[in-house]
């Protein structure tokens, strides 16, 4: 039987899921959906789980970006923030 909720057995007691665990679950969901051999209801349930997982991953990435921005320091030691480079933008040649 395919587990419809890949994260249900991997969630620690504190309720917080690690980024790597969430990413692995997302990859498993995508692989199952790409397989194409699931019933419609199962496919919909996995798709819904994938959407939730996508939101979780985006939230974790946003949090990491905010932490990095807070850690950037000026030469004189004062703390400053700098926006992170957008990976979707073309890098200068």
Protein backbone atom coordinates (compact mmCIF):
# COMPACT_ATOMS: atom_id res chain seq x y z
CA UNK A 1 0.00 0.00 0.00
CA UNK A 2 1.29 3.46 -0.92
CA UNK A 3 1.40 5.90 1.97
CA UNK A 4 -0.74 8.87 0.94
CA UNK A 5 1.05 11.09 3.42
CA UNK A 6 4.82 10.68 3.07
CA UNK A 7 5.44 13.15 5.90
CA UNK A 8 3.21 11.44 8.47
CA UNK A 9 5.91 9.03 9.63
CA UNK A 10 8.81 11.49 9.35
CA UNK A 11 7.53 14.38 11.45
CA UNK A 12 9.48 14.80 14.68
CA UNK A 13 7.70 15.18 18.02
CA UNK A 14 8.10 18.98 17.97
CA UNK A 15 6.03 19.11 14.78
CA UNK A 16 8.75 20.90 12.79
CA UNK A 17 9.86 19.16 9.60
CA UNK A 18 13.46 19.54 8.42
CA UNK A 19 13.95 21.05 4.97
CA UNK A 20 15.79 18.01 3.66
CA UNK A 21 13.04 15.68 4.88
CA UNK A 22 10.36 17.83 3.26
CA UNK A 23 12.32 17.98 0.00
CA UNK A 24 12.74 14.20 -0.07
CA UNK A 25 9.00 13.76 0.51
CA UNK A 26 8.25 16.22 -2.28
CA UNK A 27 10.51 14.25 -4.63
CA UNK A 28 8.70 11.02 -3.68
CA UNK A 29 5.32 12.62 -4.36
CA UNK A 30 6.45 13.86 -7.76
CA UNK A 31 7.86 10.45 -8.67
CA UNK A 32 4.59 8.73 -7.73
CA UNK A 33 2.53 11.23 -9.70
CA UNK A 34 4.82 10.94 -12.73
CA UNK A 35 4.46 7.16 -12.60
CA UNK A 36 0.89 7.57 -13.81
CA UNK A 37 -0.36 4.29 -12.38
CA UNK A 38 -2.39 5.73 -9.49
CA UNK A 39 -6.13 5.97 -9.19
CA UNK A 40 -7.58 9.44 -9.69
CA UNK A 41 -8.45 9.87 -6.00
CA UNK A 42 -4.93 8.84 -4.96
CA UNK A 43 -3.41 11.21 -7.50
CA UNK A 44 -5.51 14.10 -6.19
CA UNK A 45 -4.56 13.31 -2.57
CA UNK A 46 -0.87 13.21 -3.48
CA UNK A 47 -1.17 16.43 -5.46
CA UNK A 48 -2.76 18.14 -2.44
CA UNK A 49 0.06 16.86 -0.23
CA UNK A 50 2.57 18.15 -2.79
CA UNK A 51 1.02 21.62 -2.69
CA UNK A 52 1.26 21.64 1.12
CA UNK A 53 4.84 20.42 0.93
CA UNK A 54 5.67 23.11 -1.60
CA UNK A 55 4.37 25.78 0.78
CA UNK A 56 6.38 24.29 3.64
CA UNK A 57 9.56 24.28 1.54
CA UNK A 58 9.01 27.87 0.39
CA UNK A 59 8.44 29.00 3.98
CA UNK A 60 11.68 27.34 5.08
CA UNK A 61 13.60 28.94 2.21
CA UNK A 62 12.15 32.36 3.08
CA UNK A 63 13.16 31.89 6.73
CA UNK A 64 16.69 30.90 5.73
CA UNK A 65 16.96 33.94 3.46
CA UNK A 66 15.90 36.23 6.31
CA UNK A 67 18.50 34.68 8.62
CA UNK A 68 21.23 35.17 6.02
CA UNK A 69 20.23 38.79 5.50
CA UNK A 70 20.47 39.38 9.27
CA UNK A 71 23.94 37.85 9.39
CA UNK A 72 25.50 40.08 6.76
CA UNK A 73 27.83 42.52 8.46
CA UNK A 74 29.38 45.80 7.41
CA UNK A 75 33.16 46.24 7.50
CA UNK A 76 32.97 48.31 10.68
CA UNK A 77 31.17 45.44 12.45
CA UNK A 78 27.70 46.93 12.37
CA UNK A 79 24.99 44.65 11.20
CA UNK A 80 23.34 45.30 7.87
CA UNK A 81 21.00 43.46 5.57
CA UNK A 82 21.45 42.88 1.91
CA UNK A 83 18.89 41.24 -0.31
CA UNK A 84 19.90 37.84 -1.57
CA UNK A 85 20.45 37.45 -5.29
CA UNK A 86 17.39 36.15 -7.07
CA UNK A 87 18.42 32.80 -8.61
CA UNK A 88 15.83 33.25 -11.34
CA UNK A 89 17.50 36.39 -12.66
CA UNK A 90 20.20 36.10 -15.27
CA UNK A 91 23.66 36.49 -13.79
CA UNK A 92 25.89 39.09 -15.42
CA UNK A 93 28.35 37.65 -17.93
